[in-house]
């Protein structure tokens, strides 16, 4: 059965084809975040699966890249360091290439989720 689920990371709804139950872990098909189902009624609610920040962002970035068929260049470690630094300073994995620490810039940022990499050949 298909279920419409809200991701608190990318702030988007996605459709899960898997069965859902409280406590089950699922992957957001838009941003690659690992989520846990916390409520079923009145609508499905989720939260990030608690992880060490470094494990979380590496897991999310690898999952997102794999889902989209993206390959990292030699700057991957610099990007990951920037994401971890922004998480330490501002409480979330804001894009290290952007100045505004707003929800649209949580990695993967809105432009990346909207296929900017496919259109432009690389991330911002």
C-alpha atoms as a PDB file:
ATOM      1  CA  UNK A   1       0.000   0.000   0.000  1.00  0.00           C
ATOM      2  CA  UNK A   2       1.343   3.451  -0.875  1.00  0.00           C
ATOM      3  CA  UNK A   3       1.687   5.985   1.918  1.00  0.00           C
ATOM      4  CA  UNK A   4       2.271   9.747   1.696  1.00  0.00           C
ATOM      5  CA  UNK A   5       4.945  10.638   4.251  1.00  0.00           C
ATOM      6  CA  UNK A   6       6.378  14.010   5.298  1.00  0.00           C
ATOM      7  CA  UNK A   7      10.150  14.252   5.675  1.00  0.00           C
ATOM      8  CA  UNK A   8      11.250  16.719   8.387  1.00  0.00           C
ATOM      9  CA  UNK A   9      14.694  16.979   6.766  1.00  0.00           C
ATOM     10  CA  UNK A  10      13.801  18.163   3.261  1.00  0.00           C
ATOM     11  CA  UNK A  11      10.314  19.325   4.285  1.00  0.00           C
ATOM     12  CA  UNK A  12       8.719  17.501   1.369  1.00  0.00           C
ATOM     13  CA  UNK A  13       6.167  14.726   1.046  1.00  0.00           C
ATOM     14  CA  UNK A  14       7.168  11.481  -0.615  1.00  0.00           C
ATOM     15  CA  UNK A  15       5.388   8.262  -1.406  1.00  0.00           C
ATOM     16  CA  UNK A  16       6.539   5.096   0.326  1.00  0.00           C
ATOM     17  CA  UNK A  17       5.582   1.785  -1.237  1.00  0.00           C
ATOM     18  CA  UNK A  18       6.699  -0.087   1.876  1.00  0.00           C
ATOM     19  CA  UNK A  19       4.332  -0.965   4.671  1.00  0.00           C
ATOM     20  CA  UNK A  20       4.492   1.543   7.512  1.00  0.00           C
ATOM     21  CA  UNK A  21       4.275   0.904  11.215  1.00  0.00           C
ATOM     22  CA  UNK A  22       5.396   2.792  14.292  1.00  0.00           C
ATOM     23  CA  UNK A  23       9.120   2.375  14.863  1.00  0.00           C
ATOM     24  CA  UNK A  24       9.896   1.271  11.306  1.00  0.00           C
ATOM     25  CA  UNK A  25      12.835   2.968   9.588  1.00  0.00           C
ATOM     26  CA  UNK A  26      12.405   4.248   6.042  1.00  0.00           C
ATOM     27  CA  UNK A  27      14.522   6.268   3.621  1.00  0.00           C
ATOM     28  CA  UNK A  28      13.197   9.553   2.236  1.00  0.00           C
ATOM     29  CA  UNK A  29      13.149   9.083  -1.530  1.00  0.00           C
ATOM     30  CA  UNK A  30      13.771  12.803  -2.043  1.00  0.00           C
ATOM     31  CA  UNK A  31      16.752  13.607   0.211  1.00  0.00           C
ATOM     32  CA  UNK A  32      18.023  10.207   1.376  1.00  0.00           C
ATOM     33  CA  UNK A  33      17.479  10.856   5.099  1.00  0.00           C
ATOM     34  CA  UNK A  34      16.893   7.894   7.360  1.00  0.00           C
ATOM     35  CA  UNK A  35      13.574   8.370   9.167  1.00  0.00           C
ATOM     36  CA  UNK A  36      11.577   6.557  11.800  1.00  0.00           C
ATOM     37  CA  UNK A  37       7.770   6.386  11.743  1.00  0.00           C
ATOM     38  CA  UNK A  38       6.515   7.910  15.006  1.00  0.00           C
ATOM     39  CA  UNK A  39       2.742   8.193  14.396  1.00  0.00           C
ATOM     40  CA  UNK A  40       0.181   6.747  12.033  1.00  0.00           C
ATOM     41  CA  UNK A  41      -2.872   8.846  12.895  1.00  0.00           C
ATOM     42  CA  UNK A  42      -4.178  11.378  11.982  1.00  0.00           C
ATOM     43  CA  UNK A  43      -1.309  11.328   9.441  1.00  0.00           C
ATOM     44  CA  UNK A  44       2.066   9.650   9.199  1.00  0.00           C
ATOM     45  CA  UNK A  45       4.703  11.421  11.280  1.00  0.00           C
ATOM     46  CA  UNK A  46       8.434  10.808  11.175  1.00  0.00           C
ATOM     47  CA  UNK A  47      11.647  11.927  12.819  1.00  0.00           C
ATOM     48  CA  UNK A  48      15.285  11.615  11.929  1.00  0.00           C
ATOM     49  CA  UNK A  49      16.811   8.407  13.162  1.00  0.00           C
ATOM     50  CA  UNK A  50      19.192   9.471  15.952  1.00  0.00           C
ATOM     51  CA  UNK A  51      22.760   9.116  14.683  1.00  0.00           C
ATOM     52  CA  UNK A  52      26.162  10.581  15.273  1.00  0.00           C
ATOM     53  CA  UNK A  53      26.284  13.724  13.035  1.00  0.00           C
ATOM     54  CA  UNK A  54      29.189  12.417  10.964  1.00  0.00           C
ATOM     55  CA  UNK A  55      27.492   9.057  10.389  1.00  0.00           C
ATOM     56  CA  UNK A  56      24.203  10.768   9.564  1.00  0.00           C
ATOM     57  CA  UNK A  57      25.536  13.121   6.907  1.00  0.00           C
ATOM     58  CA  UNK A  58      27.816  10.545   5.258  1.00  0.00           C
ATOM     59  CA  UNK A  59      24.908   8.079   5.188  1.00  0.00           C
ATOM     60  CA  UNK A  60      22.488  10.673   3.793  1.00  0.00           C
ATOM     61  CA  UNK A  61      24.896  11.988   1.143  1.00  0.00           C
ATOM     62  CA  UNK A  62      25.867   8.496  -0.024  1.00  0.00           C
ATOM     63  CA  UNK A  63      22.220   7.380  -0.171  1.00  0.00           C
ATOM     64  CA  UNK A  64      21.164  10.499  -2.090  1.00  0.00           C
ATOM     65  CA  UNK A  65      24.043  10.161  -4.581  1.00  0.00           C
ATOM     66  CA  UNK A  66      23.280   6.481  -5.108  1.00  0.00           C
ATOM     67  CA  UNK A  67      19.535   7.142  -5.639  1.00  0.00           C
ATOM     68  CA  UNK A  68      20.313   9.792  -8.280  1.00  0.00           C
ATOM     69  CA  UNK A  69      23.314   8.125  -9.884  1.00  0.00           C
ATOM     70  CA  UNK A  70      25.671  10.965  -8.866  1.00  0.00           C
ATOM     71  CA  UNK A  71      29.424  10.591  -8.448  1.00  0.00           C
ATOM     72  CA  UNK A  72      31.565  12.799  -6.212  1.00  0.00           C
ATOM     73  CA  UNK A  73      34.642  14.585  -7.432  1.00  0.00           C
ATOM     74  CA  UNK A  74      37.853  15.178  -5.483  1.00  0.00           C
ATOM     75  CA  UNK A  75      36.171  17.832  -3.297  1.00  0.00           C
ATOM     76  CA  UNK A  76      33.992  15.360  -1.398  1.00  0.00           C
ATOM     77  CA  UNK A  77      35.947  15.530   1.868  1.00  0.00           C
ATOM     78  CA  UNK A  78      35.976  19.348   1.789  1.00  0.00           C
ATOM     79  CA  UNK A  79      32.201  19.353   1.286  1.00  0.00           C
ATOM     80  CA  UNK A  80      31.685  16.848   4.102  1.00  0.00           C
ATOM     81  CA  UNK A  81      33.904  18.924   6.423  1.00  0.00           C
ATOM     82  CA  UNK A  82      31.874  22.035   5.551  1.00  0.00           C
ATOM     83  CA  UNK A  83      28.602  20.222   6.248  1.00  0.00           C
ATOM     84  CA  UNK A  84      29.863  18.986   9.616  1.00  0.00           C
ATOM     85  CA  UNK A  85      31.144  22.459  10.553  1.00  0.00           C
ATOM     86  CA  UNK A  86      27.768  24.050   9.723  1.00  0.00           C
ATOM     87  CA  UNK A  87      26.051  21.343  11.767  1.00  0.00           C
ATOM     88  CA  UNK A  88      28.314  22.111  14.727  1.00  0.00           C
ATOM     89  CA  UNK A  89      27.758  25.878  14.440  1.00  0.00           C
ATOM     90  CA  UNK A  90      24.130  26.103  13.337  1.00  0.00           C
ATOM     91  CA  UNK A  91      22.490  22.798  14.310  1.00  0.00           C
ATOM     92  CA  UNK A  92      21.845  21.330  10.866  1.00  0.00           C
ATOM     93  CA  UNK A  93      23.673  20.280   7.710  1.00  0.00           C
ATOM     94  CA  UNK A  94      23.323  23.513   5.753  1.00  0.00           C
ATOM     95  CA  UNK A  95      25.004  23.652   2.366  1.00  0.00           C
ATOM     96  CA  UNK A  96      28.619  24.781   2.881  1.00  0.00           C
ATOM     97  CA  UNK A  97      28.501  26.644  -0.456  1.00  0.00           C
ATOM     98  CA  UNK A  98      25.618  28.908   0.504  1.00  0.00           C
ATOM     99  CA  UNK A  99      25.562  31.789   2.953  1.00  0.00           C
ATOM    100  CA  UNK A 100      21.941  31.529   4.087  1.00  0.00           C
ATOM    101  CA  UNK A 101      21.273  28.890   6.712  1.00  0.00           C
ATOM    102  CA  UNK A 102      17.616  28.371   5.841  1.00  0.00           C
ATOM    103  CA  UNK A 103      15.585  25.138   5.511  1.00  0.00           C
ATOM    104  CA  UNK A 104      15.883  25.192   1.711  1.00  0.00           C
ATOM    105  CA  UNK A 105      19.659  24.924   2.073  1.00  0.00           C
ATOM    106  CA  UNK A 106      19.738  21.812   4.275  1.00  0.00           C
ATOM    107  CA  UNK A 107      21.774  19.214   2.399  1.00  0.00           C
ATOM    108  CA  UNK A 108      20.848  18.135  -0.157  1.00  0.00           C
ATOM    109  CA  UNK A 109      19.661  21.668  -0.859  1.00  0.00           C
ATOM    110  CA  UNK A 110      16.428  22.425  -2.691  1.00  0.00           C
ATOM    111  CA  UNK A 111      18.189  23.150  -5.992  1.00  0.00           C
ATOM    112  CA  UNK A 112      20.010  19.833  -5.829  1.00  0.00           C
ATOM    113  CA  UNK A 113      16.777  17.984  -5.007  1.00  0.00           C
ATOM    114  CA  UNK A 114      15.230  19.662  -8.060  1.00  0.00           C
ATOM    115  CA  UNK A 115      17.894  18.112 -10.319  1.00  0.00           C
ATOM    116  CA  UNK A 116      20.268  21.080 -10.696  1.00  0.00           C
ATOM    117  CA  UNK A 117      23.183  18.618 -10.758  1.00  0.00           C
ATOM    118  CA  UNK A 118      21.681  16.772 -13.702  1.00  0.00           C
ATOM    119  CA  UNK A 119      20.973  20.044 -15.539  1.00  0.00           C
ATOM    120  CA  UNK A 120      24.244  21.867 -14.729  1.00  0.00           C
ATOM    121  CA  UNK A 121      26.627  18.925 -14.426  1.00  0.00           C
ATOM    122  CA  UNK A 122      27.640  19.693 -10.835  1.00  0.00           C
ATOM    123  CA  UNK A 123      26.439  20.962  -7.481  1.00  0.00           C
ATOM    124  CA  UNK A 124      26.438  24.695  -6.674  1.00  0.00           C
END
